Amino acid sequence: MYWLGAETAVLERDVHDLRSLFRSSKRQRVVFRDPANLPVGDLKGIPRSVPSDLLAGLLDHAATPLVRLTVALAAVHAVSGHDIRAIRTADVDLARGTVEIRRCLPWHTLYLEQFTHRLAAKWLAYRHHRCPASTNPHPLVSQKTALDLDHPAINIGTLRGMLPKDVTLDGLRQDRILKEALECGDPLKLMRLFGITEKTAMHYVRTAHPERTAKLPR
């Protein structure tokens, strides 16, 4: 069971704020052009679209601060489920508005916009209130892992189980990067923004703009 406690008014405000974020970011050409069009699949193929109402209703299904923060990290900042699990409390600096993403590659610094920053602050306050004695070094914990003396990361199955059927963290992440590639077509920007490799960035650019990249070496 996930921790309950989010009030309806707060949830509705978060849904409104996320949609406002998408509209604002669209004008700035830095996020989804159509946040209700979610591609799924993997990087070995071309992302596919799924029913258009999924993202629009995603936060409506997000019953806790933990779920809403997880959705924002994946859908707004393109953080993978693996990287979300690996975040440590020491990596989160709300004063600077940053999160360090631990990877085998050089760590990626995530700069939080206002919406995700507020969700992160809400979750950390909620976590401290519900379990002040927890010494787990991971900010994202379940009711079980919060008090586990082995300090495990939250289970990936727990994160996946938060989402509606047919929506995945990988799908949200891929959609975010693909839509950015559609907007800018610049692999260097994708690398800087999402901390991905040149090969991965080029894959998204080729997928987004096949007519412009058909003659480029693979």
N, C-alpha and C. Protein backbone atom coordinates (compact mmCIF):
# COMPACT_ATOMS: atom_id res chain seq x y z
N MET A 1 0.84 -1.19 0.00
CA MET A 1 0.00 0.00 0.00
C MET A 1 0.88 1.25 0.00
N TYR A 2 0.55 2.21 -0.83
CA TYR A 2 1.28 3.47 -0.82
C TYR A 2 0.71 4.36 0.28
N TRP A 3 1.53 5.24 0.74
CA TRP A 3 1.09 6.12 1.80
C TRP A 3 0.02 7.07 1.26
N LEU A 4 -1.05 7.22 2.05
CA LEU A 4 -2.14 8.08 1.64
C LEU A 4 -2.06 9.38 2.41
N GLY A 5 -2.79 10.36 1.97
CA GLY A 5 -2.79 11.62 2.71
C GLY A 5 -2.91 12.85 1.85
N ALA A 6 -2.87 12.70 0.52
CA ALA A 6 -2.98 13.87 -0.37
C ALA A 6 -4.43 14.31 -0.43
N GLU A 7 -4.69 15.56 -0.17
CA GLU A 7 -6.06 16.06 -0.22
C GLU A 7 -6.45 16.35 -1.65
N THR A 8 -7.77 16.30 -1.90
CA THR A 8 -8.27 16.50 -3.26
C THR A 8 -7.90 17.86 -3.81
N ALA A 9 -8.00 18.90 -2.99
CA ALA A 9 -7.68 20.26 -3.46
C ALA A 9 -6.22 20.36 -3.89
N VAL A 10 -5.32 19.73 -3.14
CA VAL A 10 -3.90 19.77 -3.48
C VAL A 10 -3.66 19.04 -4.77
N LEU A 11 -4.30 17.87 -4.94
CA LEU A 11 -4.14 17.10 -6.16
C LEU A 11 -4.62 17.88 -7.37
N GLU A 12 -5.77 18.52 -7.26
CA GLU A 12 -6.30 19.30 -8.37
C GLU A 12 -5.36 20.45 -8.72
N ARG A 13 -4.76 21.07 -7.72
CA ARG A 13 -3.82 22.16 -7.98
C ARG A 13 -2.58 21.66 -8.70
N ASP A 14 -2.10 20.48 -8.30
CA ASP A 14 -0.93 19.91 -8.96
C ASP A 14 -1.22 19.58 -10.41
N VAL A 15 -2.40 19.02 -10.68
CA VAL A 15 -2.79 18.73 -12.06
C VAL A 15 -2.82 20.01 -12.88
N HIS A 16 -3.44 21.06 -12.29
CA HIS A 16 -3.51 22.35 -12.99
C HIS A 16 -2.12 22.90 -13.23
N ASP A 17 -1.25 22.81 -12.23
CA ASP A 17 0.10 23.36 -12.37
C ASP A 17 0.90 22.62 -13.42
N LEU A 18 0.74 21.29 -13.49
CA LEU A 18 1.47 20.54 -14.50
C LEU A 18 1.03 20.93 -15.90
N ARG A 19 -0.27 21.07 -16.09
CA ARG A 19 -0.75 21.48 -17.40
C ARG A 19 -0.28 22.89 -17.74
N SER A 20 -0.24 23.79 -16.74
CA SER A 20 0.28 25.14 -16.96
C SER A 20 1.75 25.10 -17.34
N LEU A 21 2.49 24.18 -16.70
CA LEU A 21 3.91 24.03 -17.01
C LEU A 21 4.09 23.63 -18.46
N PHE A 22 3.29 22.68 -18.93
CA PHE A 22 3.39 22.24 -20.31
C PHE A 22 3.08 23.38 -21.28
N ARG A 23 2.04 24.16 -20.95
CA ARG A 23 1.68 25.27 -21.85
C ARG A 23 2.80 26.31 -21.90
N SER A 24 3.34 26.66 -20.73
CA SER A 24 4.42 27.64 -20.68
C SER A 24 5.66 27.13 -21.39
N SER A 25 6.01 25.88 -21.15
CA SER A 25 7.22 25.32 -21.74
C SER A 25 7.07 25.18 -23.25
N LYS A 26 5.85 24.93 -23.71
CA LYS A 26 5.62 24.86 -25.15
C LYS A 26 5.96 26.20 -25.80
N ARG A 27 5.56 27.30 -25.14
CA ARG A 27 5.86 28.61 -25.69
C ARG A 27 7.37 28.86 -25.73
N GLN A 28 8.09 28.28 -24.75
CA GLN A 28 9.53 28.45 -24.69
C GLN A 28 10.27 27.38 -25.51
N ARG A 29 9.52 26.46 -26.10
CA ARG A 29 10.08 25.40 -26.95
C ARG A 29 11.08 24.53 -26.19
N VAL A 30 10.71 24.15 -24.97
CA VAL A 30 11.63 23.31 -24.18
C VAL A 30 10.96 22.05 -23.63
N VAL A 31 9.71 21.82 -23.96
CA VAL A 31 9.06 20.62 -23.43
C VAL A 31 8.01 20.14 -24.41
N PHE A 32 7.14 19.24 -24.03
CA PHE A 32 6.15 18.64 -24.91
C PHE A 32 5.43 19.67 -25.78
N ARG A 33 5.28 19.35 -27.05
CA ARG A 33 4.34 20.13 -27.87
C ARG A 33 2.93 19.62 -27.60
N ASP A 34 2.79 18.31 -27.44
CA ASP A 34 1.49 17.70 -27.14
C ASP A 34 1.68 16.75 -25.96
N PRO A 35 1.49 17.22 -24.73
CA PRO A 35 1.78 16.39 -23.58
C PRO A 35 0.83 15.21 -23.42
N ALA A 36 -0.20 15.10 -24.24
CA ALA A 36 -1.11 13.97 -24.12
C ALA A 36 -0.80 12.87 -25.12
N ASN A 37 0.31 12.97 -25.83
CA ASN A 37 0.65 11.97 -26.84
C ASN A 37 1.90 11.23 -26.40
N LEU A 38 1.71 10.07 -25.79
CA LEU A 38 2.81 9.35 -25.16
C LEU A 38 3.33 8.23 -26.05
N PRO A 39 4.60 8.29 -26.51
CA PRO A 39 5.14 7.14 -27.20
C PRO A 39 5.72 6.15 -26.21
N VAL A 40 5.62 4.88 -26.53
CA VAL A 40 6.24 3.86 -25.70
C VAL A 40 7.10 3.00 -26.57
N GLY A 41 7.88 2.13 -25.96
CA GLY A 41 8.75 1.26 -26.73
C GLY A 41 10.16 1.35 -26.19
N ASP A 42 11.16 0.97 -26.96
CA ASP A 42 12.52 1.08 -26.50
C ASP A 42 13.37 1.70 -27.59
N LEU A 43 14.63 1.96 -27.27
CA LEU A 43 15.50 2.68 -28.18
C LEU A 43 15.93 1.85 -29.38
N LYS A 44 15.56 0.57 -29.41
CA LYS A 44 15.90 -0.25 -30.55
C LYS A 44 14.93 -0.02 -31.71
N GLY A 45 13.81 0.60 -31.42
CA GLY A 45 12.80 0.84 -32.44
C GLY A 45 12.32 2.26 -32.37
N ILE A 46 11.31 2.55 -33.15
CA ILE A 46 10.74 3.89 -33.17
C ILE A 46 9.62 3.98 -32.14
N PRO A 47 9.63 4.97 -31.25
CA PRO A 47 8.58 5.09 -30.24
C PRO A 47 7.20 5.13 -30.87
N ARG A 48 6.24 4.51 -30.20
CA ARG A 48 4.87 4.47 -30.69
C ARG A 48 3.99 5.34 -29.80
N SER A 49 2.88 5.77 -30.36
CA SER A 49 1.93 6.57 -29.60
C SER A 49 0.91 5.66 -28.93
N VAL A 50 0.44 6.10 -27.77
CA VAL A 50 -0.60 5.39 -27.03
C VAL A 50 -1.78 6.35 -26.86
N PRO A 51 -2.91 5.89 -26.35
CA PRO A 51 -4.10 6.75 -26.26
C PRO A 51 -3.80 8.13 -25.69
N SER A 52 -4.39 9.15 -26.31
CA SER A 52 -4.02 10.54 -26.04
C SER A 52 -4.48 11.06 -24.69
N ASP A 53 -5.33 10.32 -23.99
CA ASP A 53 -5.82 10.83 -22.71
C ASP A 53 -4.96 10.39 -21.53
N LEU A 54 -3.91 9.62 -21.78
CA LEU A 54 -3.15 9.06 -20.67
C LEU A 54 -2.40 10.10 -19.86
N LEU A 55 -1.61 10.95 -20.51
CA LEU A 55 -0.86 11.94 -19.75
C LEU A 55 -1.78 12.99 -19.15
N ALA A 56 -2.83 13.36 -19.90
CA ALA A 56 -3.77 14.36 -19.38
C ALA A 56 -4.36 13.90 -18.05
N GLY A 57 -4.56 12.59 -17.89
CA GLY A 57 -5.15 12.08 -16.65
C GLY A 57 -4.16 11.46 -15.71
N LEU A 58 -2.86 11.58 -16.02
CA LEU A 58 -1.85 10.86 -15.25
C LEU A 58 -1.83 11.30 -13.78
N LEU A 59 -1.80 12.60 -13.54
CA LEU A 59 -1.78 13.07 -12.16
C LEU A 59 -3.11 12.84 -11.46
N ASP A 60 -4.18 12.66 -12.23
CA ASP A 60 -5.46 12.33 -11.61
C ASP A 60 -5.39 10.99 -10.90
N HIS A 61 -4.48 10.12 -11.38
CA HIS A 61 -4.29 8.80 -10.76
C HIS A 61 -3.21 8.85 -9.68
N ALA A 62 -2.52 9.98 -9.55
CA ALA A 62 -1.40 10.07 -8.63
C ALA A 62 -1.93 10.42 -7.23
N ALA A 63 -2.06 9.41 -6.39
CA ALA A 63 -2.74 9.59 -5.11
C ALA A 63 -1.84 10.12 -4.01
N THR A 64 -0.53 10.13 -4.20
CA THR A 64 0.38 10.54 -3.13
C THR A 64 1.45 11.48 -3.66
N PRO A 65 2.11 12.23 -2.77
CA PRO A 65 3.23 13.08 -3.19
C PRO A 65 4.34 12.30 -3.87
N LEU A 66 4.56 11.04 -3.44
CA LEU A 66 5.59 10.22 -4.04
C LEU A 66 5.30 9.94 -5.51
N VAL A 67 4.06 9.62 -5.81
CA VAL A 67 3.68 9.32 -7.19
C VAL A 67 3.82 10.55 -8.06
N ARG A 68 3.37 11.71 -7.56
CA ARG A 68 3.43 12.92 -8.36
C ARG A 68 4.86 13.33 -8.65
N LEU A 69 5.75 13.18 -7.66
CA LEU A 69 7.15 13.53 -7.89
C LEU A 69 7.77 12.56 -8.89
N THR A 70 7.46 11.28 -8.79
CA THR A 70 8.00 10.29 -9.72
C THR A 70 7.56 10.59 -11.15
N VAL A 71 6.29 10.92 -11.32
CA VAL A 71 5.76 11.26 -12.64
C VAL A 71 6.48 12.49 -13.19
N ALA A 72 6.68 13.51 -12.37
CA ALA A 72 7.34 14.73 -12.84
C ALA A 72 8.79 14.46 -13.24
N LEU A 73 9.50 13.65 -12.46
CA LEU A 73 10.90 13.35 -12.80
C LEU A 73 10.99 12.64 -14.13
N ALA A 74 10.04 11.73 -14.41
CA ALA A 74 10.09 10.98 -15.66
C ALA A 74 9.53 11.78 -16.83
N ALA A 75 8.38 12.43 -16.63
CA ALA A 75 7.67 13.06 -17.74
C ALA A 75 8.16 14.46 -18.06
N VAL A 76 8.73 15.16 -17.08
CA VAL A 76 9.21 16.53 -17.31
C VAL A 76 10.72 16.54 -17.51
N HIS A 77 11.44 15.72 -16.71
CA HIS A 77 12.90 15.77 -16.75
C HIS A 77 13.54 14.53 -17.37
N ALA A 78 12.73 13.60 -17.83
CA ALA A 78 13.23 12.42 -18.55
C ALA A 78 14.22 11.61 -17.71
N VAL A 79 13.95 11.46 -16.42
CA VAL A 79 14.79 10.64 -15.56
C VAL A 79 14.26 9.21 -15.60
N SER A 80 15.13 8.24 -15.80
CA SER A 80 14.72 6.85 -15.90
C SER A 80 14.35 6.30 -14.52
N GLY A 81 13.62 5.19 -14.51
CA GLY A 81 13.28 4.55 -13.25
C GLY A 81 14.51 4.16 -12.46
N HIS A 82 15.53 3.66 -13.14
CA HIS A 82 16.77 3.27 -12.47
C HIS A 82 17.42 4.48 -11.81
N ASP A 83 17.47 5.60 -12.51
CA ASP A 83 18.10 6.80 -11.96
C ASP A 83 17.26 7.40 -10.83
N ILE A 84 15.95 7.31 -10.94
CA ILE A 84 15.08 7.80 -9.86
C ILE A 84 15.36 7.02 -8.58
N ARG A 85 15.50 5.71 -8.69
CA ARG A 85 15.77 4.87 -7.52
C ARG A 85 17.13 5.19 -6.91
N ALA A 86 18.09 5.58 -7.74
CA ALA A 86 19.46 5.78 -7.27
C ALA A 86 19.69 7.14 -6.60
N ILE A 87 18.74 8.06 -6.72
CA ILE A 87 18.89 9.38 -6.10
C ILE A 87 19.03 9.22 -4.59
N ARG A 88 19.95 9.97 -4.01
CA ARG A 88 20.13 9.99 -2.57
C ARG A 88 19.76 11.36 -2.01
N THR A 89 19.41 11.38 -0.75
CA THR A 89 19.00 12.64 -0.13
C THR A 89 20.08 13.70 -0.27
N ALA A 90 21.34 13.28 -0.17
CA ALA A 90 22.46 14.22 -0.30
C ALA A 90 22.56 14.80 -1.70
N ASP A 91 21.93 14.15 -2.68
CA ASP A 91 21.97 14.63 -4.05
C ASP A 91 20.95 15.75 -4.30
N VAL A 92 20.02 15.91 -3.39
CA VAL A 92 18.92 16.87 -3.58
C VAL A 92 19.26 18.16 -2.84
N ASP A 93 19.37 19.25 -3.57
CA ASP A 93 19.67 20.55 -2.98
C ASP A 93 18.53 21.50 -3.34
N LEU A 94 17.54 21.59 -2.46
CA LEU A 94 16.39 22.43 -2.75
C LEU A 94 16.75 23.91 -2.75
N ALA A 95 17.76 24.29 -1.98
CA ALA A 95 18.17 25.69 -1.96
C ALA A 95 18.68 26.12 -3.33
N ARG A 96 19.43 25.25 -4.00
CA ARG A 96 19.94 25.55 -5.33
C ARG A 96 18.98 25.11 -6.42
N GLY A 97 18.02 24.27 -6.06
CA GLY A 97 17.07 23.76 -7.04
C GLY A 97 17.69 22.73 -7.96
N THR A 98 18.56 21.87 -7.42
CA THR A 98 19.24 20.87 -8.24
C THR A 98 19.11 19.48 -7.65
N VAL A 99 19.25 18.49 -8.52
CA VAL A 99 19.34 17.09 -8.12
C VAL A 99 20.48 16.48 -8.92
N GLU A 100 21.39 15.81 -8.25
CA GLU A 100 22.47 15.12 -8.94
C GLU A 100 22.01 13.71 -9.30
N ILE A 101 22.08 13.37 -10.57
CA ILE A 101 21.68 12.05 -11.04
C ILE A 101 22.93 11.19 -11.16
N ARG A 102 23.00 10.11 -10.37
CA ARG A 102 24.17 9.24 -10.33
C ARG A 102 24.14 8.27 -11.50
N ARG A 103 25.19 8.30 -12.31
CA ARG A 103 25.31 7.41 -13.45
C ARG A 103 26.75 6.95 -13.58
N CYS A 104 26.95 5.88 -14.39
CA CYS A 104 28.32 5.44 -14.68
C CYS A 104 29.05 6.52 -15.46
N LEU A 105 28.31 7.22 -16.32
CA LEU A 105 28.86 8.37 -17.02
C LEU A 105 29.03 9.49 -15.99
N PRO A 106 29.67 10.59 -16.34
CA PRO A 106 29.71 11.71 -15.39
C PRO A 106 28.30 12.05 -14.91
N TRP A 107 28.17 12.33 -13.63
CA TRP A 107 26.86 12.61 -13.07
C TRP A 107 26.20 13.77 -13.82
N HIS A 108 24.88 13.69 -13.87
CA HIS A 108 24.11 14.72 -14.56
C HIS A 108 23.40 15.59 -13.53
N THR A 109 23.58 16.89 -13.65
CA THR A 109 22.91 17.83 -12.74
C THR A 109 21.56 18.21 -13.32
N LEU A 110 20.53 17.92 -12.56
CA LEU A 110 19.17 18.22 -12.96
C LEU A 110 18.75 19.54 -12.32
N TYR A 111 18.33 20.50 -13.13
CA TYR A 111 17.88 21.79 -12.62
C TYR A 111 16.36 21.80 -12.57
N LEU A 112 15.82 21.89 -11.38
CA LEU A 112 14.38 21.77 -11.19
C LEU A 112 13.66 23.07 -11.53
N GLU A 113 12.64 22.95 -12.34
CA GLU A 113 11.76 24.10 -12.54
C GLU A 113 10.81 24.17 -11.35
N GLN A 114 10.00 25.20 -11.26
CA GLN A 114 9.22 25.49 -10.06
C GLN A 114 8.28 24.35 -9.70
N PHE A 115 7.64 23.76 -10.70
CA PHE A 115 6.65 22.71 -10.42
C PHE A 115 7.29 21.51 -9.75
N THR A 116 8.37 20.96 -10.35
CA THR A 116 9.01 19.78 -9.78
C THR A 116 9.68 20.11 -8.46
N HIS A 117 10.23 21.32 -8.34
CA HIS A 117 10.83 21.75 -7.08
C HIS A 117 9.80 21.71 -5.97
N ARG A 118 8.61 22.19 -6.24
CA ARG A 118 7.56 22.19 -5.22
C ARG A 118 7.14 20.78 -4.85
N LEU A 119 7.06 19.89 -5.86
CA LEU A 119 6.71 18.50 -5.58
C LEU A 119 7.78 17.82 -4.74
N ALA A 120 9.05 18.11 -5.03
CA ALA A 120 10.14 17.52 -4.25
C ALA A 120 10.08 17.99 -2.80
N ALA A 121 9.85 19.29 -2.61
CA ALA A 121 9.76 19.82 -1.25
C ALA A 121 8.58 19.21 -0.50
N LYS A 122 7.46 19.06 -1.19
CA LYS A 122 6.28 18.45 -0.57
C LYS A 122 6.55 17.02 -0.14
N TRP A 123 7.19 16.26 -1.04
CA TRP A 123 7.44 14.86 -0.72
C TRP A 123 8.40 14.73 0.46
N LEU A 124 9.48 15.51 0.48
CA LEU A 124 10.45 15.41 1.57
C LEU A 124 9.81 15.80 2.91
N ALA A 125 8.95 16.81 2.90
CA ALA A 125 8.26 17.19 4.13
C ALA A 125 7.29 16.10 4.56
N TYR A 126 6.60 15.52 3.60
CA TYR A 126 5.64 14.45 3.88
C TYR A 126 6.37 13.24 4.44
N ARG A 127 7.49 12.89 3.83
CA ARG A 127 8.27 11.74 4.29
C ARG A 127 8.77 11.94 5.72
N HIS A 128 9.29 13.13 6.00
CA HIS A 128 9.79 13.41 7.34
C HIS A 128 8.66 13.36 8.37
N HIS A 129 7.50 13.87 8.00
CA HIS A 129 6.35 13.86 8.91
C HIS A 129 5.89 12.44 9.21
N ARG A 130 5.84 11.59 8.18
CA ARG A 130 5.34 10.23 8.35
C ARG A 130 6.36 9.31 9.00
N CYS A 131 7.65 9.56 8.75
CA CYS A 131 8.66 8.65 9.27
C CYS A 131 9.93 9.41 9.63
N PRO A 132 9.89 10.21 10.69
CA PRO A 132 11.05 11.04 11.05
C PRO A 132 12.26 10.23 11.49
N ALA A 133 12.06 8.97 11.88
CA ALA A 133 13.18 8.16 12.36
C ALA A 133 13.91 7.43 11.24
N SER A 134 13.44 7.56 10.01
CA SER A 134 14.06 6.85 8.90
C SER A 134 15.47 7.37 8.64
N THR A 135 16.40 6.42 8.48
CA THR A 135 17.79 6.78 8.13
C THR A 135 18.14 6.30 6.73
N ASN A 136 17.14 5.89 5.97
CA ASN A 136 17.38 5.47 4.59
C ASN A 136 17.93 6.65 3.81
N PRO A 137 19.07 6.51 3.13
CA PRO A 137 19.69 7.64 2.43
C PRO A 137 19.01 8.01 1.13
N HIS A 138 18.01 7.23 0.71
CA HIS A 138 17.28 7.54 -0.52
C HIS A 138 16.06 8.39 -0.19
N PRO A 139 15.87 9.50 -0.86
CA PRO A 139 14.70 10.33 -0.55
C PRO A 139 13.38 9.66 -0.92
N LEU A 140 13.39 8.85 -1.99
CA LEU A 140 12.17 8.16 -2.38
C LEU A 140 12.13 6.79 -1.71
N VAL A 141 11.21 6.64 -0.78
CA VAL A 141 11.08 5.40 -0.03
C VAL A 141 9.62 4.99 0.01
N SER A 142 9.40 3.71 0.23
CA SER A 142 8.06 3.20 0.48
C SER A 142 7.89 3.03 1.99
N GLN A 143 6.71 2.66 2.42
CA GLN A 143 6.47 2.44 3.83
C GLN A 143 7.38 1.33 4.36
N LYS A 144 7.70 0.38 3.49
CA LYS A 144 8.56 -0.74 3.89
C LYS A 144 10.03 -0.35 3.93
N THR A 145 10.53 0.31 2.88
CA THR A 145 11.96 0.59 2.81
C THR A 145 12.39 1.74 3.72
N ALA A 146 11.44 2.57 4.14
CA ALA A 146 11.80 3.71 4.99
C ALA A 146 12.46 3.26 6.29
N LEU A 147 12.02 2.12 6.83
CA LEU A 147 12.53 1.67 8.12
C LEU A 147 13.42 0.44 8.00
N ASP A 148 13.71 0.02 6.79
CA ASP A 148 14.57 -1.14 6.59
C ASP A 148 16.01 -0.76 6.94
N LEU A 149 16.61 -1.51 7.87
CA LEU A 149 17.96 -1.18 8.33
C LEU A 149 19.02 -1.41 7.27
N ASP A 150 18.69 -2.14 6.21
CA ASP A 150 19.63 -2.34 5.11
C ASP A 150 19.63 -1.16 4.13
N HIS A 151 18.71 -0.22 4.33
CA HIS A 151 18.65 1.01 3.54
C HIS A 151 18.53 0.74 2.03
N PRO A 152 17.60 -0.11 1.60
CA PRO A 152 17.47 -0.37 0.17
C PRO A 152 16.82 0.79 -0.56
N ALA A 153 17.09 0.85 -1.86
CA ALA A 153 16.36 1.80 -2.71
C ALA A 153 14.93 1.28 -2.87
N ILE A 154 14.03 2.17 -3.21
CA ILE A 154 12.65 1.76 -3.44
C ILE A 154 12.61 0.76 -4.58
N ASN A 155 11.76 -0.24 -4.47
CA ASN A 155 11.69 -1.29 -5.48
C ASN A 155 11.16 -0.74 -6.80
N ILE A 156 11.77 -1.16 -7.90
CA ILE A 156 11.32 -0.68 -9.21
C ILE A 156 9.89 -1.11 -9.49
N GLY A 157 9.51 -2.26 -8.95
CA GLY A 157 8.12 -2.70 -9.12
C GLY A 157 7.15 -1.77 -8.42
N THR A 158 7.57 -1.19 -7.29
CA THR A 158 6.72 -0.22 -6.60
C THR A 158 6.52 1.02 -7.45
N LEU A 159 7.60 1.50 -8.07
CA LEU A 159 7.48 2.67 -8.93
C LEU A 159 6.58 2.37 -10.13
N ARG A 160 6.79 1.22 -10.75
CA ARG A 160 5.98 0.85 -11.91
C ARG A 160 4.52 0.69 -11.53
N GLY A 161 4.29 0.14 -10.34
CA GLY A 161 2.92 -0.10 -9.92
C GLY A 161 2.14 1.16 -9.62
N MET A 162 2.82 2.30 -9.51
CA MET A 162 2.13 3.56 -9.27
C MET A 162 1.39 4.06 -10.50
N LEU A 163 1.82 3.61 -11.68
CA LEU A 163 1.32 4.19 -12.92
C LEU A 163 0.11 3.42 -13.45
N PRO A 164 -0.74 4.09 -14.20
CA PRO A 164 -1.86 3.40 -14.82
C PRO A 164 -1.38 2.34 -15.81
N LYS A 165 -2.25 1.43 -16.15
CA LYS A 165 -1.93 0.39 -17.11
C LYS A 165 -1.52 1.02 -18.44
N ASP A 166 -0.52 0.43 -19.08
CA ASP A 166 -0.01 0.86 -20.39
C ASP A 166 0.84 2.12 -20.34
N VAL A 167 1.12 2.65 -19.15
CA VAL A 167 2.04 3.77 -19.02
C VAL A 167 3.27 3.29 -18.27
N THR A 168 4.44 3.58 -18.78
CA THR A 168 5.68 3.17 -18.13
C THR A 168 6.59 4.38 -17.92
N LEU A 169 7.50 4.27 -16.96
CA LEU A 169 8.47 5.33 -16.74
C LEU A 169 9.35 5.51 -17.96
N ASP A 170 9.74 4.40 -18.59
CA ASP A 170 10.55 4.49 -19.80
C ASP A 170 9.79 5.19 -20.92
N GLY A 171 8.49 4.88 -21.01
CA GLY A 171 7.68 5.53 -22.03
C GLY A 171 7.59 7.03 -21.82
N LEU A 172 7.40 7.46 -20.56
CA LEU A 172 7.35 8.88 -20.25
C LEU A 172 8.68 9.55 -20.57
N ARG A 173 9.76 8.90 -20.19
CA ARG A 173 11.10 9.44 -20.44
C ARG A 173 11.35 9.58 -21.94
N GLN A 174 11.05 8.54 -22.70
CA GLN A 174 11.30 8.57 -24.14
C GLN A 174 10.46 9.64 -24.81
N ASP A 175 9.22 9.78 -24.36
CA ASP A 175 8.36 10.80 -24.96
C ASP A 175 8.92 12.20 -24.73
N ARG A 176 9.42 12.43 -23.53
CA ARG A 176 9.97 13.75 -23.21
C ARG A 176 11.16 14.07 -24.11
N ILE A 177 12.08 13.11 -24.27
CA ILE A 177 13.26 13.36 -25.10
C ILE A 177 12.87 13.49 -26.57
N LEU A 178 11.96 12.65 -27.01
CA LEU A 178 11.54 12.70 -28.42
C LEU A 178 10.90 14.03 -28.75
N LYS A 179 10.04 14.53 -27.88
CA LYS A 179 9.38 15.80 -28.16
C LYS A 179 10.38 16.95 -28.17
N GLU A 180 11.40 16.87 -27.32
CA GLU A 180 12.45 17.89 -27.36
C GLU A 180 13.22 17.80 -28.67
N ALA A 181 13.47 16.56 -29.13
CA ALA A 181 14.16 16.37 -30.41
C ALA A 181 13.33 16.92 -31.56
N LEU A 182 12.01 16.75 -31.49
CA LEU A 182 11.13 17.30 -32.52
C LEU A 182 11.21 18.81 -32.55
N GLU A 183 11.32 19.42 -31.38
CA GLU A 183 11.36 20.88 -31.30
C GLU A 183 12.68 21.47 -31.78
N CYS A 184 13.80 20.87 -31.35
CA CYS A 184 15.08 21.53 -31.60
C CYS A 184 15.94 20.81 -32.63
N GLY A 185 15.84 19.49 -32.73
CA GLY A 185 16.66 18.74 -33.67
C GLY A 185 18.15 18.85 -33.41
N ASP A 186 18.53 19.19 -32.18
CA ASP A 186 19.93 19.44 -31.84
C ASP A 186 20.40 18.38 -30.85
N PRO A 187 21.24 17.43 -31.28
CA PRO A 187 21.70 16.38 -30.36
C PRO A 187 22.51 16.92 -29.19
N LEU A 188 23.26 18.01 -29.40
CA LEU A 188 24.04 18.58 -28.30
C LEU A 188 23.14 19.12 -27.20
N LYS A 189 22.03 19.72 -27.58
CA LYS A 189 21.09 20.23 -26.58
C LYS A 189 20.49 19.07 -25.81
N LEU A 190 20.15 17.99 -26.50
CA LEU A 190 19.59 16.82 -25.82
C LEU A 190 20.60 16.25 -24.82
N MET A 191 21.87 16.21 -25.21
CA MET A 191 22.91 15.69 -24.33
C MET A 191 23.04 16.55 -23.08
N ARG A 192 23.01 17.86 -23.25
CA ARG A 192 23.15 18.77 -22.11
C ARG A 192 21.91 18.72 -21.22
N LEU A 193 20.74 18.69 -21.82
CA LEU A 193 19.50 18.79 -21.08
C LEU A 193 19.19 17.53 -20.29
N PHE A 194 19.48 16.37 -20.91
CA PHE A 194 19.09 15.10 -20.29
C PHE A 194 20.26 14.23 -19.84
N GLY A 195 21.49 14.67 -20.11
CA GLY A 195 22.63 13.89 -19.69
C GLY A 195 22.75 12.56 -20.41
N ILE A 196 22.35 12.51 -21.68
CA ILE A 196 22.41 11.27 -22.45
C ILE A 196 23.64 11.27 -23.35
N THR A 197 23.97 10.11 -23.89
CA THR A 197 25.16 9.99 -24.73
C THR A 197 24.88 10.53 -26.13
N GLU A 198 25.95 10.75 -26.87
CA GLU A 198 25.82 11.21 -28.25
C GLU A 198 25.02 10.22 -29.09
N LYS A 199 25.29 8.93 -28.89
CA LYS A 199 24.59 7.89 -29.65
C LYS A 199 23.09 7.94 -29.39
N THR A 200 22.72 8.06 -28.13
CA THR A 200 21.30 8.12 -27.77
C THR A 200 20.66 9.39 -28.32
N ALA A 201 21.35 10.51 -28.21
CA ALA A 201 20.81 11.77 -28.72
C ALA A 201 20.58 11.70 -30.22
N MET A 202 21.53 11.12 -30.95
CA MET A 202 21.37 10.99 -32.40
C MET A 202 20.22 10.06 -32.75
N HIS A 203 20.00 9.03 -31.95
CA HIS A 203 18.87 8.14 -32.20
C HIS A 203 17.56 8.91 -32.17
N TYR A 204 17.42 9.78 -31.16
CA TYR A 204 16.18 10.56 -31.05
C TYR A 204 16.06 11.57 -32.18
N VAL A 205 17.15 12.20 -32.56
CA VAL A 205 17.10 13.18 -33.65
C VAL A 205 16.73 12.48 -34.96
N ARG A 206 17.30 11.31 -35.20
CA ARG A 206 16.95 10.58 -36.42
C ARG A 206 15.48 10.15 -36.42
N THR A 207 15.00 9.75 -35.26
CA THR A 207 13.60 9.36 -35.15
C THR A 207 12.68 10.55 -35.38
N ALA A 208 13.05 11.70 -34.82
CA ALA A 208 12.21 12.89 -34.92
C ALA A 208 12.28 13.54 -36.30
N HIS A 209 13.46 13.45 -36.96
CA HIS A 209 13.65 14.14 -38.24
C HIS A 209 14.31 13.20 -39.25
N PRO A 210 13.63 12.14 -39.65
CA PRO A 210 14.25 11.18 -40.58
C PRO A 210 14.61 11.81 -41.92
N GLU A 211 13.83 12.80 -42.34
CA GLU A 211 14.08 13.43 -43.63
C GLU A 211 15.36 14.26 -43.62
N ARG A 212 15.78 14.73 -42.45
CA ARG A 212 16.98 15.56 -42.34
C ARG A 212 18.23 14.74 -42.03
N THR A 213 18.06 13.54 -41.56
CA THR A 213 19.20 12.76 -41.07
C THR A 213 19.43 11.48 -41.85
N ALA A 214 18.69 11.26 -42.91
CA ALA A 214 18.77 10.00 -43.65
C ALA A 214 20.18 9.74 -44.20
N LYS A 215 20.90 10.81 -44.58
CA LYS A 215 22.22 10.64 -45.19
C LYS A 215 23.37 10.73 -44.20
N LEU A 216 23.03 10.94 -42.90
CA LEU A 216 24.09 11.01 -41.91
C LEU A 216 24.62 9.62 -41.59
N PRO A 217 25.93 9.47 -41.31
CA PRO A 217 26.47 8.16 -40.95
C PRO A 217 25.89 7.68 -39.64
N ARG A 218 25.66 6.35 -39.53
CA ARG A 218 25.06 5.78 -38.33
C ARG A 218 26.10 5.11 -37.47
